């Protein structure tokens, strides 16, 4: 019996070592759409309490994930490694960070990591009810406001792939202007459909 338990533990350890590189980050296997779905499901599980932090943060690229409050890369974007994200998230009162500037007002987006995730990452259940699109050209993005979308030029193919999760709006009174999107940005981790998560961009109407 003890021998069987030992063998099971050894097999689990070997499996974990094979799936996880020395940098501590796991690559995501599958097509870009499958990899993005893995990311989205991990975020959903983190947000609803059915999964912990490691299933999400283990997907981070070793250099970190860029958090973009709008569908545009800026020099001021916050980039967090998995360890940094976890260190803030587990605190009862996480410290606030400035994640950029609010569209329209220009005020700083001053939020802690949980508040930011609620507002600019998981503001909609993107794992269900969203239109999922692998972006190949700017015309593939479903909607945008007046900001110039520079995601494709900032994360060029084939090294990077962008998958958009788009919801067209839920309140008829807004005539679709309450649309939102989550853009999952993946980096090729060495070919053969192996990826790491390098960016999460939020889409919404901008003025």
Foldseek 3Di string as FASTA:
>chain_A
DVVVVVVVVVVVVVVVPVQADPLQAGWAFDAPVNSVLQQLVQLVCCVVVNDHLCSNLSQADSQFAWEALALADDPQTDGDHSVRLVVQVPDPHGAWDFGAADFPPRHTPTGGSVVCCCRRPPVDSLSPQWDKDWDDDPVRDDDAADDDRCVCVVQPPDQKIKMKTKHQDDDVVVVSQAIKIWIWMWGDPDDPRITGTHYIGMHHYHD
